Protein backbone atom coordinates (compact mmCIF):
# COMPACT_ATOMS: atom_id res chain seq x y z
CA MET A 1 161.23 78.37 110.44
CA ARG A 2 158.25 80.47 109.35
CA SER A 3 155.97 79.49 106.51
CA GLN A 4 152.45 80.05 105.24
CA SER A 5 149.92 78.55 102.89
CA ILE A 6 146.68 79.54 101.25
CA TYR A 7 144.28 76.69 100.58
CA LYS A 8 140.77 76.54 99.10
CA VAL A 9 138.83 73.81 100.88
CA PRO A 10 136.91 71.69 98.32
CA GLN A 11 133.27 72.91 98.39
CA GLY A 12 134.39 75.26 101.16
CA LYS A 13 136.16 78.49 101.93
CA LEU A 14 139.66 79.93 101.71
CA LEU A 15 142.11 79.22 104.52
CA LYS A 16 145.32 81.10 105.22
CA ILE A 17 147.69 79.42 107.65
CA SER A 18 150.89 80.96 108.99
CA ILE A 19 153.10 78.76 111.12
CA GLU A 20 156.39 78.88 112.88
CA TYR A 21 157.76 75.38 113.27
CA ASP A 22 160.78 73.55 114.59
CA GLU A 23 162.48 71.86 111.64
CA LYS A 24 164.41 69.44 113.84
CA ASP A 25 161.44 68.20 115.89
CA ASN A 26 158.84 68.83 113.12
CA VAL A 27 156.40 70.46 115.54
CA ILE A 28 154.30 73.62 115.40
CA ARG A 29 155.71 76.38 117.60
CA ASP A 30 153.11 79.02 116.69
CA ILE A 31 150.18 79.09 114.28
CA ARG A 32 147.74 81.67 112.94
CA ILE A 33 144.52 80.52 111.23
CA THR A 34 142.61 83.04 109.11
CA GLY A 35 140.36 82.97 106.07
CA ASP A 36 136.81 83.54 104.89
CA PHE A 37 135.30 80.70 106.93
CA PHE A 38 133.26 81.01 110.13
CA ALA A 39 133.71 79.42 113.54
CA TYR A 40 131.29 79.43 116.42
CA PRO A 41 132.00 80.46 119.07
CA GLU A 42 134.34 82.97 117.41
CA GLU A 43 137.02 82.86 120.11
CA THR A 44 137.57 79.16 119.46
CA ILE A 45 139.97 79.97 116.59
CA GLU A 46 142.44 81.38 119.14
CA LEU A 47 141.83 78.33 121.31
CA MET A 48 142.53 76.05 118.32
CA GLU A 49 145.77 77.94 117.63
CA THR A 50 146.89 77.55 121.25
CA LYS A 51 146.01 73.84 121.39
CA LEU A 52 147.87 73.09 118.12
CA ARG A 53 151.20 74.36 119.46
CA ASN A 54 153.76 71.57 119.93
CA THR A 55 151.77 69.23 117.67
CA LEU A 56 153.73 67.05 115.27
CA ILE A 57 153.28 68.20 111.65
CA GLU A 58 152.04 64.84 110.41
CA ARG A 59 148.63 64.20 108.80
CA ALA A 60 147.18 61.58 111.16
CA GLN A 61 148.26 63.32 114.35
CA LEU A 62 147.09 66.75 113.15
CA GLN A 63 143.68 65.44 112.09
CA GLU A 64 143.18 63.60 115.37
CA LYS A 65 144.19 66.67 117.41
CA ILE A 66 141.93 68.99 115.38
CA ARG A 67 138.96 66.59 115.69
CA SER A 68 139.46 66.23 119.44
CA ILE A 69 139.62 70.02 119.94
CA ILE A 70 136.42 70.47 117.89
CA THR A 71 134.64 67.78 119.91
CA GLU A 72 135.89 68.88 123.32
CA TYR A 73 135.05 72.57 122.84
CA HIS A 74 131.90 72.08 120.69
CA ILE A 75 133.30 74.15 117.81
CA GLN A 76 131.11 74.61 114.75
CA PHE A 77 132.90 75.46 111.49
CA ILE A 78 131.19 76.75 108.37
CA GLY A 79 133.25 76.47 105.20
CA VAL A 80 136.09 74.37 106.61
CA ASP A 81 136.49 70.88 108.04
CA PRO A 82 139.26 69.00 109.90
CA GLU A 83 140.64 67.54 106.66
CA GLY A 84 140.86 70.96 105.01
CA LEU A 85 142.51 72.51 108.04
CA THR A 86 144.99 69.63 108.21
CA GLN A 87 145.82 69.96 104.51
CA ALA A 88 146.38 73.73 104.80
CA ILE A 89 148.77 73.20 107.72
CA LEU A 90 150.69 70.47 105.88
CA MET A 91 151.07 72.76 102.85
CA CYS A 92 153.10 75.17 104.99
CA LYS A 93 156.03 72.79 104.96
CA PRO A 94 158.25 72.95 101.89
C-alpha cells in the first residue's frame, strides 16, 4: 500500500514522507523523505531511505534504526530530529 504524510516538526521544519509498505508484515518497502530541512552530507537522505527499507513500522524500532543510521554515518540534520522523522513515518499509516 502507498501512503504519504506531511508533518511540521515542533520548532523545526516541514517533512513530507511517502512510503510503500506491506500491510501484512507492517514493514516499509520503499520510502521517500523530502521537506524543507537540511541534511549533511546531502546524499545521506538517500542512504537513510535505503536503510529504512524492511523496517517494522513501529515507533521504538523506527526511532532506534534512525538513531543508529545517524550515528553510524555521522549525519547532521537541521530542522528535523529522529523523533520528528519517526512521527512523520508513523503518520503515513491510516
